[in-house]
Amino acid sequence: MHLAYPAVLSALLFCTGLYGVLARRNAILVLMSVELMLNAVNLNLVAFDVWLSRAARDTLHSGQALTLFTIAIAAAEIGIGLAIVLAVHRNRGTSDIDRLRDTAEGHGDDTDGPGTGTSAAEKAEATA
C-alpha cells in the first residue's frame, strides 16, 4: 500500500476535526473533534513508521511507541475535560462555549441580556 492513502485519510480526518473545533459551540463536541485530530496524528505516526521500517531492518518502531503515548494522553485529556465540562454544566446550566467566558466570573445573573456578556459593573466602568 502506498503512503499517500493513509496520509490523505489522515489529512481529511484532521481537517474534519479542525472544522469541529472552530465551528462547534458545545464543549463535548469540541472535545470529540480534538480526539479526531489526535487520531489523525496517530494514523500518520503509524503509517510513516511502517513506511520507514521497510527501508531499515533494525527499527525501534518509534511511531507506534509515540502513538501509544498519544493514546494515553488523549485518554487523560478526555477524562479531565469531561470532568471540567460536567462541573461547569452543573454550576452554570450550559456547556455552550460562547456563553462561558471565564470560570472566575459570576453566574451571569448581572448581565444585561442573553449573549451580550457585559455586566452592569463593566457598563459602569465603561461610562466612567
C-alpha atoms as a PDB file:
ATOM      1  CA  MET A   1       0.000   0.000   0.000  1.00  0.00           C
ATOM      2  CA  HIS A   2       1.263   3.473  -0.854  1.00  0.00           C
ATOM      3  CA  LEU A   3       1.975   6.051   1.801  1.00  0.00           C
ATOM      4  CA  ALA A   4      -0.381   8.502   0.104  1.00  0.00           C
ATOM      5  CA  TYR A   5      -3.561   6.636   1.123  1.00  0.00           C
ATOM      6  CA  PRO A   6      -3.158   6.892   4.898  1.00  0.00           C
ATOM      7  CA  ALA A   7      -1.686  10.388   4.544  1.00  0.00           C
ATOM      8  CA  VAL A   8      -4.725  11.644   2.618  1.00  0.00           C
ATOM      9  CA  LEU A   9      -7.115   9.939   5.049  1.00  0.00           C
ATOM     10  CA  SER A  10      -5.215  11.460   7.958  1.00  0.00           C
ATOM     11  CA  ALA A  11      -5.385  14.922   6.388  1.00  0.00           C
ATOM     12  CA  LEU A  12      -9.139  14.556   5.876  1.00  0.00           C
ATOM     13  CA  LEU A  13      -9.636  13.430   9.480  1.00  0.00           C
ATOM     14  CA  PHE A  14      -7.505  16.287  10.776  1.00  0.00           C
ATOM     15  CA  CYS A  15      -9.372  18.881   8.693  1.00  0.00           C
ATOM     16  CA  THR A  16     -12.706  17.488   9.890  1.00  0.00           C
ATOM     17  CA  GLY A  17     -11.532  17.736  13.499  1.00  0.00           C
ATOM     18  CA  LEU A  18     -10.227  21.253  12.954  1.00  0.00           C
ATOM     19  CA  TYR A  19     -13.566  22.316  11.497  1.00  0.00           C
ATOM     20  CA  GLY A  20     -15.309  20.768  14.506  1.00  0.00           C
ATOM     21  CA  VAL A  21     -13.102  22.689  16.943  1.00  0.00           C
ATOM     22  CA  LEU A  22     -13.622  26.001  15.159  1.00  0.00           C
ATOM     23  CA  ALA A  23     -17.331  25.708  14.342  1.00  0.00           C
ATOM     24  CA  ARG A  24     -18.889  23.914  17.307  1.00  0.00           C
ATOM     25  CA  ARG A  25     -20.234  25.602  20.394  1.00  0.00           C
ATOM     26  CA  ASN A  26     -20.853  22.551  22.566  1.00  0.00           C
ATOM     27  CA  ALA A  27     -17.824  21.709  24.700  1.00  0.00           C
ATOM     28  CA  ILE A  28     -18.306  17.947  24.366  1.00  0.00           C
ATOM     29  CA  LEU A  29     -18.333  18.182  20.568  1.00  0.00           C
ATOM     30  CA  VAL A  30     -15.154  20.252  20.724  1.00  0.00           C
ATOM     31  CA  LEU A  31     -13.502  17.532  22.822  1.00  0.00           C
ATOM     32  CA  MET A  32     -14.626  14.912  20.295  1.00  0.00           C
ATOM     33  CA  SER A  33     -13.127  16.994  17.491  1.00  0.00           C
ATOM     34  CA  VAL A  34      -9.823  17.217  19.350  1.00  0.00           C
ATOM     35  CA  GLU A  35      -9.879  13.427  19.680  1.00  0.00           C
ATOM     36  CA  LEU A  36     -10.447  13.150  15.924  1.00  0.00           C
ATOM     37  CA  MET A  37      -7.416  15.340  15.326  1.00  0.00           C
ATOM     38  CA  LEU A  38      -5.292  13.221  17.669  1.00  0.00           C
ATOM     39  CA  ASN A  39      -6.399  10.058  15.870  1.00  0.00           C
ATOM     40  CA  ALA A  40      -5.351  11.613  12.562  1.00  0.00           C
ATOM     41  CA  VAL A  41      -1.907  12.225  14.032  1.00  0.00           C
ATOM     42  CA  ASN A  42      -1.801   8.631  15.303  1.00  0.00           C
ATOM     43  CA  LEU A  43      -2.629   7.330  11.827  1.00  0.00           C
ATOM     44  CA  ASN A  44       0.205   9.390  10.367  1.00  0.00           C
ATOM     45  CA  LEU A  45       2.658   8.175  13.004  1.00  0.00           C
ATOM     46  CA  VAL A  46       1.875   4.517  12.353  1.00  0.00           C
ATOM     47  CA  ALA A  47       1.821   4.918   8.558  1.00  0.00           C
ATOM     48  CA  PHE A  48       5.210   6.625   8.466  1.00  0.00           C
ATOM     49  CA  ASP A  49       6.621   4.100  10.925  1.00  0.00           C
ATOM     50  CA  VAL A  50       5.582   1.218   8.670  1.00  0.00           C
ATOM     51  CA  TRP A  51       6.892   3.043   5.609  1.00  0.00           C
ATOM     52  CA  LEU A  52      10.262   3.768   7.221  1.00  0.00           C
ATOM     53  CA  SER A  53      10.599   0.257   8.658  1.00  0.00           C
ATOM     54  CA  ARG A  54      10.658  -1.171   5.136  1.00  0.00           C
ATOM     55  CA  ALA A  55      13.812   0.815   4.384  1.00  0.00           C
ATOM     56  CA  ALA A  56      15.745  -0.106   7.531  1.00  0.00           C
ATOM     57  CA  ARG A  57      15.942  -3.570   9.044  1.00  0.00           C
ATOM     58  CA  ASP A  58      16.756  -2.518  12.608  1.00  0.00           C
ATOM     59  CA  THR A  59      13.930  -0.243  13.623  1.00  0.00           C
ATOM     60  CA  LEU A  60      12.668   0.813  17.002  1.00  0.00           C
ATOM     61  CA  HIS A  61       9.057   1.324  15.860  1.00  0.00           C
ATOM     62  CA  SER A  62       9.135   4.763  17.367  1.00  0.00           C
ATOM     63  CA  GLY A  63       5.956   5.811  15.518  1.00  0.00           C
ATOM     64  CA  GLN A  64       3.999   3.069  17.232  1.00  0.00           C
ATOM     65  CA  ALA A  65       5.505   3.938  20.605  1.00  0.00           C
ATOM     66  CA  LEU A  66       4.590   7.608  20.143  1.00  0.00           C
ATOM     67  CA  THR A  67       1.085   6.531  19.176  1.00  0.00           C
ATOM     68  CA  LEU A  68       0.709   4.668  22.469  1.00  0.00           C
ATOM     69  CA  PHE A  69       1.819   7.778  24.370  1.00  0.00           C
ATOM     70  CA  THR A  70      -0.625   9.892  22.377  1.00  0.00           C
ATOM     71  CA  ILE A  71      -3.469   7.496  23.174  1.00  0.00           C
ATOM     72  CA  ALA A  72      -2.612   7.671  26.883  1.00  0.00           C
ATOM     73  CA  ILE A  73      -2.507  11.479  26.795  1.00  0.00           C
ATOM     74  CA  ALA A  74      -5.815  11.580  24.884  1.00  0.00           C
ATOM     75  CA  ALA A  75      -7.474   9.346  27.465  1.00  0.00           C
ATOM     76  CA  ALA A  76      -6.288  11.604  30.287  1.00  0.00           C
ATOM     77  CA  GLU A  77      -7.412  14.686  28.362  1.00  0.00           C
ATOM     78  CA  ILE A  78     -10.892  13.283  27.831  1.00  0.00           C
ATOM     79  CA  GLY A  79     -11.204  12.271  31.492  1.00  0.00           C
ATOM     80  CA  ILE A  80     -10.172  15.676  32.794  1.00  0.00           C
ATOM     81  CA  GLY A  81     -12.034  17.547  30.051  1.00  0.00           C
ATOM     82  CA  LEU A  82     -15.304  15.753  30.688  1.00  0.00           C
ATOM     83  CA  ALA A  83     -14.961  16.329  34.424  1.00  0.00           C
ATOM     84  CA  ILE A  84     -14.485  20.059  33.816  1.00  0.00           C
ATOM     85  CA  VAL A  85     -17.396  20.205  31.357  1.00  0.00           C
ATOM     86  CA  LEU A  86     -19.689  18.388  33.805  1.00  0.00           C
ATOM     87  CA  ALA A  87     -18.673  20.685  36.672  1.00  0.00           C
ATOM     88  CA  VAL A  88     -19.249  23.795  34.554  1.00  0.00           C
ATOM     89  CA  HIS A  89     -22.580  22.439  33.326  1.00  0.00           C
ATOM     90  CA  ARG A  90     -23.646  21.724  36.890  1.00  0.00           C
ATOM     91  CA  ASN A  91     -22.713  25.240  38.031  1.00  0.00           C
ATOM     92  CA  ARG A  92     -23.829  27.260  35.022  1.00  0.00           C
ATOM     93  CA  GLY A  93     -26.509  25.097  33.425  1.00  0.00           C
ATOM     94  CA  THR A  94     -24.940  25.177  29.955  1.00  0.00           C
ATOM     95  CA  SER A  95     -21.970  23.774  28.094  1.00  0.00           C
ATOM     96  CA  ASP A  96     -22.121  26.393  25.327  1.00  0.00           C
ATOM     97  CA  ILE A  97     -18.602  27.715  24.867  1.00  0.00           C
ATOM     98  CA  ASP A  98     -19.720  31.151  23.705  1.00  0.00           C
ATOM     99  CA  ARG A  99     -21.679  31.707  26.912  1.00  0.00           C
ATOM    100  CA  LEU A 100     -18.831  30.592  29.173  1.00  0.00           C
ATOM    101  CA  ARG A 101     -16.388  33.464  29.257  1.00  0.00           C
ATOM    102  CA  ASP A 102     -14.471  32.882  32.435  1.00  0.00           C
ATOM    103  CA  THR A 103     -14.885  30.467  35.311  1.00  0.00           C
ATOM    104  CA  ALA A 104     -13.924  33.150  37.861  1.00  0.00           C
ATOM    105  CA  GLU A 105     -16.830  35.293  36.682  1.00  0.00           C
ATOM    106  CA  GLY A 106     -20.225  35.130  38.372  1.00  0.00           C
ATOM    107  CA  HIS A 107     -23.083  33.012  37.107  1.00  0.00           C
ATOM    108  CA  GLY A 108     -24.099  35.707  34.636  1.00  0.00           C
ATOM    109  CA  ASP A 109     -27.018  36.918  36.765  1.00  0.00           C
ATOM    110  CA  ASP A 110     -25.962  40.558  36.434  1.00  0.00           C
ATOM    111  CA  THR A 111     -25.631  40.666  32.667  1.00  0.00           C
ATOM    112  CA  ASP A 112     -27.777  42.967  30.573  1.00  0.00           C
ATOM    113  CA  GLY A 113     -29.211  40.197  28.423  1.00  0.00           C
ATOM    114  CA  PRO A 114     -28.507  36.824  26.891  1.00  0.00           C
ATOM    115  CA  GLY A 115     -25.430  36.581  24.727  1.00  0.00           C
ATOM    116  CA  THR A 116     -24.064  40.098  25.287  1.00  0.00           C
ATOM    117  CA  GLY A 117     -21.594  39.214  28.018  1.00  0.00           C
ATOM    118  CA  THR A 118     -21.324  42.720  29.507  1.00  0.00           C
ATOM    119  CA  SER A 119     -22.184  43.014  33.159  1.00  0.00           C
ATOM    120  CA  ALA A 120     -23.553  46.046  34.970  1.00  0.00           C
ATOM    121  CA  ALA A 121     -20.139  46.648  36.562  1.00  0.00           C
ATOM    122  CA  GLU A 122     -18.430  46.622  33.167  1.00  0.00           C
ATOM    123  CA  LYS A 123     -21.014  49.101  31.816  1.00  0.00           C
ATOM    124  CA  ALA A 124     -20.493  51.450  34.785  1.00  0.00           C
ATOM    125  CA  GLU A 125     -16.749  51.214  34.347  1.00  0.00           C
ATOM    126  CA  ALA A 126     -17.014  51.999  30.630  1.00  0.00           C
ATOM    127  CA  THR A 127     -19.163  55.077  31.197  1.00  0.00           C
ATOM    128  CA  ALA A 128     -16.951  56.482  33.983  1.00  0.00           C
END
